[in-house]
């Protein structure tokens, strides 16, 4: 009858390798998921309100620049091209489906009124 000791040693080595591989996979998954969180939210002292998307739409669509500032405040950044002005609101709007806060919302003005919002 053959000696069973080598078989036991090879099974033990296989179990050790499988446990080690599972630990490495779990660590890689943890590191991968933790890096997907995106940029940090606004500082705790930022007292500006965060609006749900439908509320933000209602407050700005079709409004003038002055009305938008009155409704939701000044934008964080602005830019423009030949036809449009673009206002950007950072960390000010939340998606009601995912409950995630949008890092940047672009408000598009044409002829002095809001014609679009890009989330």
PDB file of N, CA and C in Angstrom:
ATOM      1  N   UNK A   1       0.845  -1.164   0.000  1.00  0.00           N
ATOM      2  CA  UNK A   1       0.000   0.000   0.000  1.00  0.00           C
ATOM      3  C   UNK A   1       0.900   1.240   0.000  1.00  0.00           C
ATOM      4  N   UNK A   2       0.554   2.252  -0.854  1.00  0.00           N
ATOM      5  CA  UNK A   2       1.384   3.456  -0.929  1.00  0.00           C
ATOM      6  C   UNK A   2       1.261   4.290   0.343  1.00  0.00           C
ATOM      7  N   UNK A   3       2.295   5.072   0.592  1.00  0.00           N
ATOM      8  CA  UNK A   3       2.341   5.937   1.776  1.00  0.00           C
ATOM      9  C   UNK A   3       1.395   7.130   1.569  1.00  0.00           C
ATOM     10  N   UNK A   4       0.375   7.379   2.470  1.00  0.00           N
ATOM     11  CA  UNK A   4      -0.576   8.486   2.296  1.00  0.00           C
ATOM     12  C   UNK A   4      -0.010   9.846   2.702  1.00  0.00           C
ATOM     13  N   UNK A   5       1.153   9.906   3.302  1.00  0.00           N
ATOM     14  CA  UNK A   5       1.710  11.179   3.778  1.00  0.00           C
ATOM     15  C   UNK A   5       1.933  12.191   2.650  1.00  0.00           C
ATOM     16  N   UNK A   6       2.500  11.818   1.494  1.00  0.00           N
ATOM     17  CA  UNK A   6       2.695  12.808   0.425  1.00  0.00           C
ATOM     18  C   UNK A   6       1.364  13.391  -0.066  1.00  0.00           C
ATOM     19  N   UNK A   7       0.318  12.570  -0.108  1.00  0.00           N
ATOM     20  CA  UNK A   7      -0.997  13.042  -0.556  1.00  0.00           C
ATOM     21  C   UNK A   7      -1.545  14.080   0.422  1.00  0.00           C
ATOM     22  N   UNK A   8      -1.381  13.839   1.720  1.00  0.00           N
ATOM     23  CA  UNK A   8      -1.855  14.798   2.727  1.00  0.00           C
ATOM     24  C   UNK A   8      -1.098  16.121   2.610  1.00  0.00           C
ATOM     25  N   UNK A   9       0.211  16.013   2.399  1.00  0.00           N
ATOM     26  CA  UNK A   9       1.015  17.233   2.279  1.00  0.00           C
ATOM     27  C   UNK A   9       0.604  18.035   1.047  1.00  0.00           C
ATOM     28  N   UNK A  10       0.315  17.387  -0.060  1.00  0.00           N
ATOM     29  CA  UNK A  10      -0.069  18.116  -1.271  1.00  0.00           C
ATOM     30  C   UNK A  10      -1.458  18.740  -1.109  1.00  0.00           C
ATOM     31  N   UNK A  11      -2.359  18.075  -0.391  1.00  0.00           N
ATOM     32  CA  UNK A  11      -3.682  18.667  -0.131  1.00  0.00           C
ATOM     33  C   UNK A  11      -3.546  19.885   0.776  1.00  0.00           C
ATOM     34  N   UNK A  12      -2.717  19.772   1.794  1.00  0.00           N
ATOM     35  CA  UNK A  12      -2.507  20.899   2.702  1.00  0.00           C
ATOM     36  C   UNK A  12      -1.901  22.081   1.944  1.00  0.00           C
ATOM     37  N   UNK A  13      -0.966  21.814   1.066  1.00  0.00           N
ATOM     38  CA  UNK A  13      -0.359  22.891   0.278  1.00  0.00           C
ATOM     39  C   UNK A  13      -1.399  23.540  -0.632  1.00  0.00           C
ATOM     40  N   UNK A  14      -2.277  22.737  -1.220  1.00  0.00           N
ATOM     41  CA  UNK A  14      -3.334  23.258  -2.085  1.00  0.00           C
ATOM     42  C   UNK A  14      -4.290  24.146  -1.297  1.00  0.00           C
ATOM     43  N   UNK A  15      -4.691  23.720  -0.113  1.00  0.00           N
ATOM     44  CA  UNK A  15      -5.591  24.513   0.728  1.00  0.00           C
ATOM     45  C   UNK A  15      -4.929  25.839   1.104  1.00  0.00           C
ATOM     46  N   UNK A  16      -3.662  25.804   1.464  1.00  0.00           N
ATOM     47  CA  UNK A  16      -2.942  27.032   1.823  1.00  0.00           C
ATOM     48  C   UNK A  16      -2.883  27.982   0.628  1.00  0.00           C
ATOM     49  N   UNK A  17      -2.619  27.453  -0.555  1.00  0.00           N
ATOM     50  CA  UNK A  17      -2.567  28.294  -1.751  1.00  0.00           C
ATOM     51  C   UNK A  17      -3.931  28.902  -2.061  1.00  0.00           C
ATOM     52  N   UNK A  18      -5.004  28.126  -1.923  1.00  0.00           N
ATOM     53  CA  UNK A  18      -6.351  28.644  -2.191  1.00  0.00           C
ATOM     54  C   UNK A  18      -6.744  29.735  -1.196  1.00  0.00           C
ATOM     55  N   UNK A  19      -6.441  29.534   0.070  1.00  0.00           N
ATOM     56  CA  UNK A  19      -6.753  30.548   1.087  1.00  0.00           C
ATOM     57  C   UNK A  19      -5.948  31.820   0.815  1.00  0.00           C
ATOM     58  N   UNK A  20      -4.695  31.672   0.466  1.00  0.00           N
ATOM     59  CA  UNK A  20      -3.863  32.840   0.145  1.00  0.00           C
ATOM     60  C   UNK A  20      -4.389  33.595  -1.067  1.00  0.00           C
ATOM     61  N   UNK A  21      -4.792  32.863  -2.105  1.00  0.00           N
ATOM     62  CA  UNK A  21      -5.337  33.507  -3.303  1.00  0.00           C
ATOM     63  C   UNK A  21      -6.637  34.239  -2.990  1.00  0.00           C
ATOM     64  N   UNK A  22      -7.482  33.654  -2.150  1.00  0.00           N
ATOM     65  CA  UNK A  22      -8.735  34.309  -1.762  1.00  0.00           C
ATOM     66  C   UNK A  22      -8.457  35.589  -0.980  1.00  0.00           C
ATOM     67  N   UNK A  23      -7.464  35.568  -0.116  1.00  0.00           N
ATOM     68  CA  UNK A  23      -7.110  36.766   0.658  1.00  0.00           C
ATOM     69  C   UNK A  23      -6.593  37.872  -0.258  1.00  0.00           C
ATOM     70  N   UNK A  24      -5.769  37.513  -1.230  1.00  0.00           N
ATOM     71  CA  UNK A  24      -5.255  38.504  -2.178  1.00  0.00           C
ATOM     72  C   UNK A  24      -6.402  39.082  -3.007  1.00  0.00           C
ATOM     73  N   UNK A  25      -7.327  38.241  -3.462  1.00  0.00           N
ATOM     74  CA  UNK A  25      -8.471  38.716  -4.243  1.00  0.00           C
ATOM     75  C   UNK A  25      -9.356  39.645  -3.417  1.00  0.00           C
ATOM     76  N   UNK A  26      -9.594  39.306  -2.163  1.00  0.00           N
ATOM     77  CA  UNK A  26     -10.419  40.158  -1.295  1.00  0.00           C
ATOM     78  C   UNK A  26      -9.749  41.511  -1.072  1.00  0.00           C
ATOM     79  N   UNK A  27      -8.452  41.520  -0.873  1.00  0.00           N
ATOM     80  CA  UNK A  27      -7.735  42.786  -0.678  1.00  0.00           C
ATOM     81  C   UNK A  27      -7.787  43.641  -1.942  1.00  0.00           C
ATOM     82  N   UNK A  28      -7.625  43.021  -3.101  1.00  0.00           N
ATOM     83  CA  UNK A  28      -7.691  43.764  -4.362  1.00  0.00           C
ATOM     84  C   UNK A  28      -9.084  44.344  -4.582  1.00  0.00           C
ATOM     85  N   UNK A  29     -10.119  43.587  -4.271  1.00  0.00           N
ATOM     86  CA  UNK A  29     -11.492  44.068  -4.408  1.00  0.00           C
ATOM     87  C   UNK A  29     -11.738  45.246  -3.477  1.00  0.00           C
ATOM     88  N   UNK A  30     -11.297  45.142  -2.244  1.00  0.00           N
ATOM     89  CA  UNK A  30     -11.472  46.232  -1.277  1.00  0.00           C
ATOM     90  C   UNK A  30     -10.780  47.500  -1.761  1.00  0.00           C
ATOM     91  N   UNK A  31      -9.538  47.378  -2.210  1.00  0.00           N
ATOM     92  CA  UNK A  31      -8.797  48.549  -2.680  1.00  0.00           C
ATOM     93  C   UNK A  31      -9.433  49.135  -3.932  1.00  0.00           C
ATOM     94  N   UNK A  32      -9.911  48.280  -4.812  1.00  0.00           N
ATOM     95  CA  UNK A  32     -10.564  48.762  -6.030  1.00  0.00           C
ATOM     96  C   UNK A  32     -11.842  49.513  -5.737  1.00  0.00           C
ATOM     97  N   UNK A  33     -12.661  48.996  -4.847  1.00  0.00           N
ATOM     98  CA  UNK A  33     -13.924  49.659  -4.518  1.00  0.00           C
ATOM     99  C   UNK A  33     -13.701  50.940  -3.729  1.00  0.00           C
ATOM    100  N   UNK A  34     -12.727  50.967  -2.861  1.00  0.00           N
ATOM    101  CA  UNK A  34     -12.501  52.169  -2.058  1.00  0.00           C
ATOM    102  C   UNK A  34     -11.963  53.314  -2.901  1.00  0.00           C
ATOM    103  N   UNK A  35     -11.356  53.024  -4.047  1.00  0.00           N
ATOM    104  CA  UNK A  35     -10.848  54.097  -4.901  1.00  0.00           C
ATOM    105  C   UNK A  35     -11.918  54.666  -5.816  1.00  0.00           C
ATOM    106  N   UNK A  36     -13.126  54.103  -5.834  1.00  0.00           N
ATOM    107  CA  UNK A  36     -14.207  54.557  -6.709  1.00  0.00           C
ATOM    108  C   UNK A  36     -15.117  55.576  -6.044  1.00  0.00           C
ATOM    109  N   UNK A  37     -14.732  56.133  -4.953  1.00  0.00           N
ATOM    110  CA  UNK A  37     -15.611  57.029  -4.224  1.00  0.00           C
ATOM    111  C   UNK A  37     -15.664  58.420  -4.815  1.00  0.00           C
ATOM    112  N   UNK A  38     -14.746  58.812  -5.659  1.00  0.00           N
ATOM    113  CA  UNK A  38     -14.765  60.126  -6.267  1.00  0.00           C
ATOM    114  C   UNK A  38     -14.197  61.184  -5.341  1.00  0.00           C
ATOM    115  N   UNK A  39     -14.291  62.438  -5.771  1.00  0.00           N
ATOM    116  CA  UNK A  39     -13.749  63.514  -4.958  1.00  0.00           C
ATOM    117  C   UNK A  39     -14.552  63.724  -3.690  1.00  0.00           C
ATOM    118  N   UNK A  40     -13.947  64.340  -2.695  1.00  0.00           N
ATOM    119  CA  UNK A  40     -14.649  64.522  -1.425  1.00  0.00           C
ATOM    120  C   UNK A  40     -15.780  65.532  -1.537  1.00  0.00           C
ATOM    121  N   UNK A  41     -16.794  65.412  -0.697  1.00  0.00           N
ATOM    122  CA  UNK A  41     -17.889  66.378  -0.690  1.00  0.00           C
ATOM    123  C   UNK A  41     -17.416  67.721  -0.146  1.00  0.00           C
ATOM    124  N   UNK A  42     -18.279  68.740  -0.216  1.00  0.00           N
ATOM    125  CA  UNK A  42     -17.871  70.059   0.261  1.00  0.00           C
ATOM    126  C   UNK A  42     -17.513  70.049   1.740  1.00  0.00           C
ATOM    127  N   UNK A  43     -16.777  71.047   2.130  1.00  0.00           N
ATOM    128  CA  UNK A  43     -16.335  71.165   3.522  1.00  0.00           C
ATOM    129  C   UNK A  43     -17.526  71.301   4.459  1.00  0.00           C
ATOM    130  N   UNK A  44     -17.402  70.837   5.701  1.00  0.00           N
ATOM    131  CA  UNK A  44     -18.508  70.912   6.658  1.00  0.00           C
ATOM    132  C   UNK A  44     -19.029  72.327   6.882  1.00  0.00           C
ATOM    133  N   UNK A  45     -18.205  73.354   6.715  1.00  0.00           N
ATOM    134  CA  UNK A  45     -18.641  74.727   6.919  1.00  0.00           C
ATOM    135  C   UNK A  45     -19.450  75.299   5.764  1.00  0.00           C
ATOM    136  N   UNK A  46     -19.560  74.562   4.648  1.00  0.00           N
ATOM    137  CA  UNK A  46     -20.305  75.037   3.479  1.00  0.00           C
ATOM    138  C   UNK A  46     -21.795  74.923   3.773  1.00  0.00           C
ATOM    139  N   UNK A  47     -22.451  76.050   3.955  1.00  0.00           N
ATOM    140  CA  UNK A  47     -23.857  76.037   4.363  1.00  0.00           C
ATOM    141  C   UNK A  47     -24.817  76.147   3.184  1.00  0.00           C
ATOM    142  N   UNK A  48     -24.297  76.112   1.964  1.00  0.00           N
ATOM    143  CA  UNK A  48     -25.183  76.208   0.802  1.00  0.00           C
ATOM    144  C   UNK A  48     -26.060  74.964   0.727  1.00  0.00           C
ATOM    145  N   UNK A  49     -27.334  75.143   0.364  1.00  0.00           N
ATOM    146  CA  UNK A  49     -28.227  73.983   0.297  1.00  0.00           C
ATOM    147  C   UNK A  49     -27.883  73.066  -0.874  1.00  0.00           C
ATOM    148  N   UNK A  50     -28.266  71.799  -0.730  1.00  0.00           N
ATOM    149  CA  UNK A  50     -28.146  70.815  -1.802  1.00  0.00           C
ATOM    150  C   UNK A  50     -29.564  70.497  -2.257  1.00  0.00           C
ATOM    151  N   UNK A  51     -29.823  70.660  -3.551  1.00  0.00           N
ATOM    152  CA  UNK A  51     -31.161  70.489  -4.111  1.00  0.00           C
ATOM    153  C   UNK A  51     -31.290  69.134  -4.788  1.00  0.00           C
ATOM    154  N   UNK A  52     -32.484  68.570  -4.760  1.00  0.00           N
ATOM    155  CA  UNK A  52     -32.771  67.407  -5.590  1.00  0.00           C
ATOM    156  C   UNK A  52     -32.888  67.882  -7.036  1.00  0.00           C
ATOM    157  N   UNK A  53     -32.566  67.032  -7.992  1.00  0.00           N
ATOM    158  CA  UNK A  53     -32.586  67.428  -9.398  1.00  0.00           C
ATOM    159  C   UNK A  53     -33.922  68.047  -9.834  1.00  0.00           C
ATOM    160  N   UNK A  54     -35.071  67.430  -9.518  1.00  0.00           N
ATOM    161  CA  UNK A  54     -36.335  68.048  -9.960  1.00  0.00           C
ATOM    162  C   UNK A  54     -36.540  69.450  -9.383  1.00  0.00           C
ATOM    163  N   UNK A  55     -36.146  69.656  -8.146  1.00  0.00           N
ATOM    164  CA  UNK A  55     -36.275  70.974  -7.525  1.00  0.00           C
ATOM    165  C   UNK A  55     -35.337  71.975  -8.202  1.00  0.00           C
ATOM    166  N   UNK A  56     -34.106  71.561  -8.482  1.00  0.00           N
ATOM    167  CA  UNK A  56     -33.150  72.437  -9.159  1.00  0.00           C
ATOM    168  C   UNK A  56     -33.680  72.813 -10.541  1.00  0.00           C
ATOM    169  N   UNK A  57     -34.219  71.829 -11.272  1.00  0.00           N
ATOM    170  CA  UNK A  57     -34.826  72.105 -12.583  1.00  0.00           C
ATOM    171  C   UNK A  57     -35.893  73.189 -12.462  1.00  0.00           C
ATOM    172  N   UNK A  58     -36.781  73.023 -11.499  1.00  0.00           N
ATOM    173  CA  UNK A  58     -37.888  73.964 -11.308  1.00  0.00           C
ATOM    174  C   UNK A  58     -37.375  75.365 -10.974  1.00  0.00           C
ATOM    175  N   UNK A  59     -36.311  75.435 -10.200  1.00  0.00           N
ATOM    176  CA  UNK A  59     -35.787  76.728  -9.768  1.00  0.00           C
ATOM    177  C   UNK A  59     -35.037  77.492 -10.860  1.00  0.00           C
ATOM    178  N   UNK A  60     -34.474  76.794 -11.856  1.00  0.00           N
ATOM    179  CA  UNK A  60     -33.626  77.496 -12.825  1.00  0.00           C
ATOM    180  C   UNK A  60     -34.090  77.448 -14.282  1.00  0.00           C
ATOM    181  N   UNK A  61     -34.792  76.425 -14.714  1.00  0.00           N
ATOM    182  CA  UNK A  61     -35.155  76.317 -16.137  1.00  0.00           C
ATOM    183  C   UNK A  61     -35.968  77.525 -16.596  1.00  0.00           C
ATOM    184  N   UNK A  62     -35.524  78.130 -17.698  1.00  0.00           N
ATOM    185  CA  UNK A  62     -36.223  79.262 -18.289  1.00  0.00           C
ATOM    186  C   UNK A  62     -35.992  80.589 -17.587  1.00  0.00           C
ATOM    187  N   UNK A  63     -35.196  80.599 -16.535  1.00  0.00           N
ATOM    188  CA  UNK A  63     -34.988  81.808 -15.729  1.00  0.00           C
ATOM    189  C   UNK A  63     -33.812  82.637 -16.257  1.00  0.00           C
ATOM    190  N   UNK A  64     -33.799  83.906 -15.882  1.00  0.00           N
ATOM    191  CA  UNK A  64     -32.690  84.801 -16.216  1.00  0.00           C
ATOM    192  C   UNK A  64     -31.539  84.563 -15.247  1.00  0.00           C
ATOM    193  N   UNK A  65     -30.387  85.138 -15.555  1.00  0.00           N
ATOM    194  CA  UNK A  65     -29.226  85.003 -14.675  1.00  0.00           C
ATOM    195  C   UNK A  65     -29.531  85.527 -13.275  1.00  0.00           C
ATOM    196  N   UNK A  66     -30.161  86.693 -13.204  1.00  0.00           N
ATOM    197  CA  UNK A  66     -30.479  87.278 -11.895  1.00  0.00           C
ATOM    198  C   UNK A  66     -31.431  86.384 -11.111  1.00  0.00           C
ATOM    199  N   UNK A  67     -32.410  85.799 -11.789  1.00  0.00           N
ATOM    200  CA  UNK A  67     -33.360  84.912 -11.112  1.00  0.00           C
ATOM    201  C   UNK A  67     -32.681  83.643 -10.612  1.00  0.00           C
ATOM    202  N   UNK A  68     -31.730  83.123 -11.385  1.00  0.00           N
ATOM    203  CA  UNK A  68     -31.005  81.920 -10.974  1.00  0.00           C
ATOM    204  C   UNK A  68     -30.162  82.220  -9.735  1.00  0.00           C
ATOM    205  N   UNK A  69     -29.464  83.347  -9.731  1.00  0.00           N
ATOM    206  CA  UNK A  69     -28.653  83.721  -8.566  1.00  0.00           C
ATOM    207  C   UNK A  69     -29.545  83.872  -7.344  1.00  0.00           C
ATOM    208  N   UNK A  70     -30.698  84.480  -7.523  1.00  0.00           N
ATOM    209  CA  UNK A  70     -31.627  84.651  -6.403  1.00  0.00           C
ATOM    210  C   UNK A  70     -32.143  83.302  -5.894  1.00  0.00           C
ATOM    211  N   UNK A  71     -32.383  82.367  -6.812  1.00  0.00           N
ATOM    212  CA  UNK A  71     -32.973  81.078  -6.436  1.00  0.00           C
ATOM    213  C   UNK A  71     -31.966  80.104  -5.829  1.00  0.00           C
ATOM    214  N   UNK A  72     -30.776  79.979  -6.444  1.00  0.00           N
ATOM    215  CA  UNK A  72     -29.834  78.940  -6.001  1.00  0.00           C
ATOM    216  C   UNK A  72     -28.439  79.466  -5.675  1.00  0.00           C
ATOM    217  N   UNK A  73     -28.226  80.754  -5.817  1.00  0.00           N
ATOM    218  CA  UNK A  73     -26.930  81.329  -5.490  1.00  0.00           C
ATOM    219  C   UNK A  73     -26.008  81.441  -6.685  1.00  0.00           C
ATOM    220  N   UNK A  74     -24.861  82.026  -6.436  1.00  0.00           N
ATOM    221  CA  UNK A  74     -23.865  82.229  -7.495  1.00  0.00           C
ATOM    222  C   UNK A  74     -23.213  80.895  -7.872  1.00  0.00           C
ATOM    223  N   UNK A  75     -22.824  80.769  -9.146  1.00  0.00           N
ATOM    224  CA  UNK A  75     -22.155  79.534  -9.572  1.00  0.00           C
ATOM    225  C   UNK A  75     -20.734  79.461  -9.024  1.00  0.00           C
ATOM    226  N   UNK A  76     -20.194  78.262  -9.001  1.00  0.00           N
ATOM    227  CA  UNK A  76     -18.806  78.072  -8.571  1.00  0.00           C
ATOM    228  C   UNK A  76     -17.826  78.502  -9.655  1.00  0.00           C
ATOM    229  N   UNK A  77     -18.165  78.219 -10.918  1.00  0.00           N
ATOM    230  CA  UNK A  77     -17.339  78.648 -12.050  1.00  0.00           C
ATOM    231  C   UNK A  77     -18.257  79.005 -13.208  1.00  0.00           C
ATOM    232  N   UNK A  78     -17.728  79.784 -14.153  1.00  0.00           N
ATOM    233  CA  UNK A  78     -18.482  80.149 -15.355  1.00  0.00           C
ATOM    234  C   UNK A  78     -17.561  80.073 -16.565  1.00  0.00           C
ATOM    235  N   UNK A  79     -18.178  79.930 -17.732  1.00  0.00           N
ATOM    236  CA  UNK A  79     -17.454  79.999 -18.998  1.00  0.00           C
ATOM    237  C   UNK A  79     -18.474  80.353 -20.072  1.00  0.00           C
ATOM    238  N   UNK A  80     -17.996  80.595 -21.276  1.00  0.00           N
ATOM    239  CA  UNK A  80     -18.920  80.895 -22.369  1.00  0.00           C
ATOM    240  C   UNK A  80     -18.261  80.605 -23.698  1.00  0.00           C
ATOM    241  N   UNK A  81     -19.110  80.444 -24.715  1.00  0.00           N
ATOM    242  CA  UNK A  81     -18.631  80.350 -26.085  1.00  0.00           C
ATOM    243  C   UNK A  81     -19.360  81.427 -26.890  1.00  0.00           C
ATOM    244  N   UNK A  82     -19.361  81.322 -28.212  1.00  0.00           N
ATOM    245  CA  UNK A  82     -19.975  82.352 -29.044  1.00  0.00           C
ATOM    246  C   UNK A  82     -21.480  82.475 -28.817  1.00  0.00           C
ATOM    247  N   UNK A  83     -22.136  81.384 -28.449  1.00  0.00           N
ATOM    248  CA  UNK A  83     -23.596  81.384 -28.347  1.00  0.00           C
ATOM    249  C   UNK A  83     -24.132  81.261 -26.924  1.00  0.00           C
ATOM    250  N   UNK A  84     -23.417  80.614 -26.043  1.00  0.00           N
ATOM    251  CA  UNK A  84     -23.962  80.269 -24.730  1.00  0.00           C
ATOM    252  C   UNK A  84     -23.051  80.676 -23.582  1.00  0.00           C
ATOM    253  N   UNK A  85     -23.667  80.820 -22.409  1.00  0.00           N
ATOM    254  CA  UNK A  85     -22.934  80.951 -21.153  1.00  0.00           C
ATOM    255  C   UNK A  85     -23.152  79.666 -20.372  1.00  0.00           C
ATOM    256  N   UNK A  86     -22.133  79.254 -19.631  1.00  0.00           N
ATOM    257  CA  UNK A  86     -22.211  78.029 -18.846  1.00  0.00           C
ATOM    258  C   UNK A  86     -21.867  78.350 -17.398  1.00  0.00           C
ATOM    259  N   UNK A  87     -22.774  78.009 -16.528  1.00  0.00           N
ATOM    260  CA  UNK A  87     -22.531  78.165 -15.095  1.00  0.00           C
ATOM    261  C   UNK A  87     -22.406  76.780 -14.496  1.00  0.00           C
ATOM    262  N   UNK A  88     -21.456  76.609 -13.581  1.00  0.00           N
ATOM    263  CA  UNK A  88     -21.232  75.310 -12.951  1.00  0.00           C
ATOM    264  C   UNK A  88     -21.466  75.398 -11.447  1.00  0.00           C
ATOM    265  N   UNK A  89     -22.283  74.477 -10.964  1.00  0.00           N
ATOM    266  CA  UNK A  89     -22.562  74.354  -9.529  1.00  0.00           C
ATOM    267  C   UNK A  89     -21.971  73.026  -9.066  1.00  0.00           C
ATOM    268  N   UNK A  90     -21.045  73.091  -8.130  1.00  0.00           N
ATOM    269  CA  UNK A  90     -20.356  71.885  -7.652  1.00  0.00           C
ATOM    270  C   UNK A  90     -20.911  71.454  -6.303  1.00  0.00           C
ATOM    271  N   UNK A  91     -21.239  70.168  -6.230  1.00  0.00           N
ATOM    272  CA  UNK A  91     -21.755  69.560  -4.993  1.00  0.00           C
ATOM    273  C   UNK A  91     -23.031  70.258  -4.495  1.00  0.00           C
ATOM    274  N   UNK A  92     -23.898  70.677  -5.413  1.00  0.00           N
ATOM    275  CA  UNK A  92     -25.094  71.423  -5.019  1.00  0.00           C
ATOM    276  C   UNK A  92     -26.387  70.707  -5.372  1.00  0.00           C
ATOM    277  N   UNK A  93     -26.309  69.597  -6.136  1.00  0.00           N
ATOM    278  CA  UNK A  93     -27.506  68.912  -6.617  1.00  0.00           C
ATOM    279  C   UNK A  93     -27.348  67.414  -6.375  1.00  0.00           C
ATOM    280  N   UNK A  94     -28.456  66.776  -5.979  1.00  0.00           N
ATOM    281  CA  UNK A  94     -28.437  65.345  -5.676  1.00  0.00           C
ATOM    282  C   UNK A  94     -29.398  64.600  -6.591  1.00  0.00           C
ATOM    283  N   UNK A  95     -28.981  63.438  -7.052  1.00  0.00           N
ATOM    284  CA  UNK A  95     -29.812  62.560  -7.877  1.00  0.00           C
ATOM    285  C   UNK A  95     -30.767  61.807  -6.959  1.00  0.00           C
ATOM    286  N   UNK A  96     -32.091  61.966  -7.130  1.00  0.00           N
ATOM    287  CA  UNK A  96     -33.024  61.301  -6.220  1.00  0.00           C
ATOM    288  C   UNK A  96     -33.060  59.778  -6.382  1.00  0.00           C
ATOM    289  N   UNK A  97     -32.612  59.261  -7.515  1.00  0.00           N
ATOM    290  CA  UNK A  97     -32.629  57.808  -7.724  1.00  0.00           C
ATOM    291  C   UNK A  97     -31.482  57.110  -7.010  1.00  0.00           C
ATOM    292  N   UNK A  98     -30.304  57.718  -7.053  1.00  0.00           N
ATOM    293  CA  UNK A  98     -29.132  57.085  -6.438  1.00  0.00           C
ATOM    294  C   UNK A  98     -28.751  57.725  -5.109  1.00  0.00           C
ATOM    295  N   UNK A  99     -29.307  58.886  -4.834  1.00  0.00           N
ATOM    296  CA  UNK A  99     -28.997  59.685  -3.646  1.00  0.00           C
ATOM    297  C   UNK A  99     -27.554  60.198  -3.658  1.00  0.00           C
ATOM    298  N   UNK A 100     -26.896  60.118  -4.814  1.00  0.00           N
ATOM    299  CA  UNK A 100     -25.526  60.619  -4.947  1.00  0.00           C
ATOM    300  C   UNK A 100     -25.555  62.106  -5.281  1.00  0.00           C
ATOM    301  N   UNK A 101     -24.635  62.856  -4.699  1.00  0.00           N
ATOM    302  CA  UNK A 101     -24.526  64.279  -4.998  1.00  0.00           C
ATOM    303  C   UNK A 101     -23.690  64.452  -6.259  1.00  0.00           C
ATOM    304  N   UNK A 102     -24.203  65.243  -7.206  1.00  0.00           N
ATOM    305  CA  UNK A 102     -23.485  65.507  -8.454  1.00  0.00           C
ATOM    306  C   UNK A 102     -22.265  66.375  -8.166  1.00  0.00           C
ATOM    307  N   UNK A 103     -21.120  65.980  -8.693  1.00  0.00           N
ATOM    308  CA  UNK A 103     -19.904  66.757  -8.465  1.00  0.00           C
ATOM    309  C   UNK A 103     -19.932  68.073  -9.227  1.00  0.00           C
ATOM    310  N   UNK A 104     -20.609  68.109 -10.373  1.00  0.00           N
ATOM    311  CA  UNK A 104     -20.660  69.325 -11.188  1.00  0.00           C
ATOM    312  C   UNK A 104     -21.936  69.317 -12.012  1.00  0.00           C
ATOM    313  N   UNK A 105     -22.719  70.380 -11.901  1.00  0.00           N
ATOM    314  CA  UNK A 105     -23.926  70.544 -12.708  1.00  0.00           C
ATOM    315  C   UNK A 105     -23.722  71.778 -13.575  1.00  0.00           C
ATOM    316  N   UNK A 106     -23.933  71.612 -14.875  1.00  0.00           N
ATOM    317  CA  UNK A 106     -23.750  72.714 -15.818  1.00  0.00           C
ATOM    318  C   UNK A 106     -25.106  73.293 -16.192  1.00  0.00           C
ATOM    319  N   UNK A 107     -25.263  74.601 -15.987  1.00  0.00           N
ATOM    320  CA  UNK A 107     -26.474  75.320 -16.380  1.00  0.00           C
ATOM    321  C   UNK A 107     -26.130  76.098 -17.649  1.00  0.00           C
ATOM    322  N   UNK A 108     -26.943  75.917 -18.701  1.00  0.00           N
ATOM    323  CA  UNK A 108     -26.664  76.522 -20.001  1.00  0.00           C
ATOM    324  C   UNK A 108     -27.628  77.680 -20.247  1.00  0.00           C
ATOM    325  N   UNK A 109     -27.069  78.868 -20.501  1.00  0.00           N
ATOM    326  CA  UNK A 109     -27.858  80.056 -20.830  1.00  0.00           C
ATOM    327  C   UNK A 109     -27.722  80.358 -22.317  1.00  0.00           C
ATOM    328  N   UNK A 110     -28.844  80.684 -22.942  1.00  0.00           N
ATOM    329  CA  UNK A 110     -28.829  81.168 -24.327  1.00  0.00           C
ATOM    330  C   UNK A 110     -29.780  82.351 -24.386  1.00  0.00           C
ATOM    331  N   UNK A 111     -29.328  83.438 -24.962  1.00  0.00           N
ATOM    332  CA  UNK A 111     -30.130  84.662 -25.041  1.00  0.00           C
ATOM    333  C   UNK A 111     -30.629  85.096 -23.670  1.00  0.00           C
ATOM    334  N   UNK A 112     -29.797  84.914 -22.645  1.00  0.00           N
ATOM    335  CA  UNK A 112     -30.106  85.415 -21.315  1.00  0.00           C
ATOM    336  C   UNK A 112     -30.996  84.546 -20.456  1.00  0.00           C
ATOM    337  N   UNK A 113     -31.398  83.361 -20.953  1.00  0.00           N
ATOM    338  CA  UNK A 113     -32.259  82.473 -20.162  1.00  0.00           C
ATOM    339  C   UNK A 113     -31.705  81.054 -20.159  1.00  0.00           C
ATOM    340  N   UNK A 114     -32.037  80.318 -19.104  1.00  0.00           N
ATOM    341  CA  UNK A 114     -31.576  78.931 -18.996  1.00  0.00           C
ATOM    342  C   UNK A 114     -32.325  78.072 -20.007  1.00  0.00           C
ATOM    343  N   UNK A 115     -31.547  77.369 -20.851  1.00  0.00           N
ATOM    344  CA  UNK A 115     -32.139  76.492 -21.857  1.00  0.00           C
ATOM    345  C   UNK A 115     -31.784  75.025 -21.619  1.00  0.00           C
ATOM    346  N   UNK A 116     -30.893  74.764 -20.669  1.00  0.00           N
ATOM    347  CA  UNK A 116     -30.525  73.379 -20.407  1.00  0.00           C
ATOM    348  C   UNK A 116     -29.744  73.224 -19.119  1.00  0.00           C
ATOM    349  N   UNK A 117     -29.821  72.004 -18.588  1.00  0.00           N
ATOM    350  CA  UNK A 117     -29.069  71.641 -17.387  1.00  0.00           C
ATOM    351  C   UNK A 117     -28.433  70.288 -17.664  1.00  0.00           C
ATOM    352  N   UNK A 118     -27.126  70.216 -17.495  1.00  0.00           N
ATOM    353  CA  UNK A 118     -26.408  68.961 -17.717  1.00  0.00           C
ATOM    354  C   UNK A 118     -25.902  68.416 -16.395  1.00  0.00           C
ATOM    355  N   UNK A 119     -26.390  67.219 -16.072  1.00  0.00           N
ATOM    356  CA  UNK A 119     -25.992  66.568 -14.818  1.00  0.00           C
ATOM    357  C   UNK A 119     -24.870  65.598 -15.081  1.00  0.00           C
TER     358      UNK A 119
END
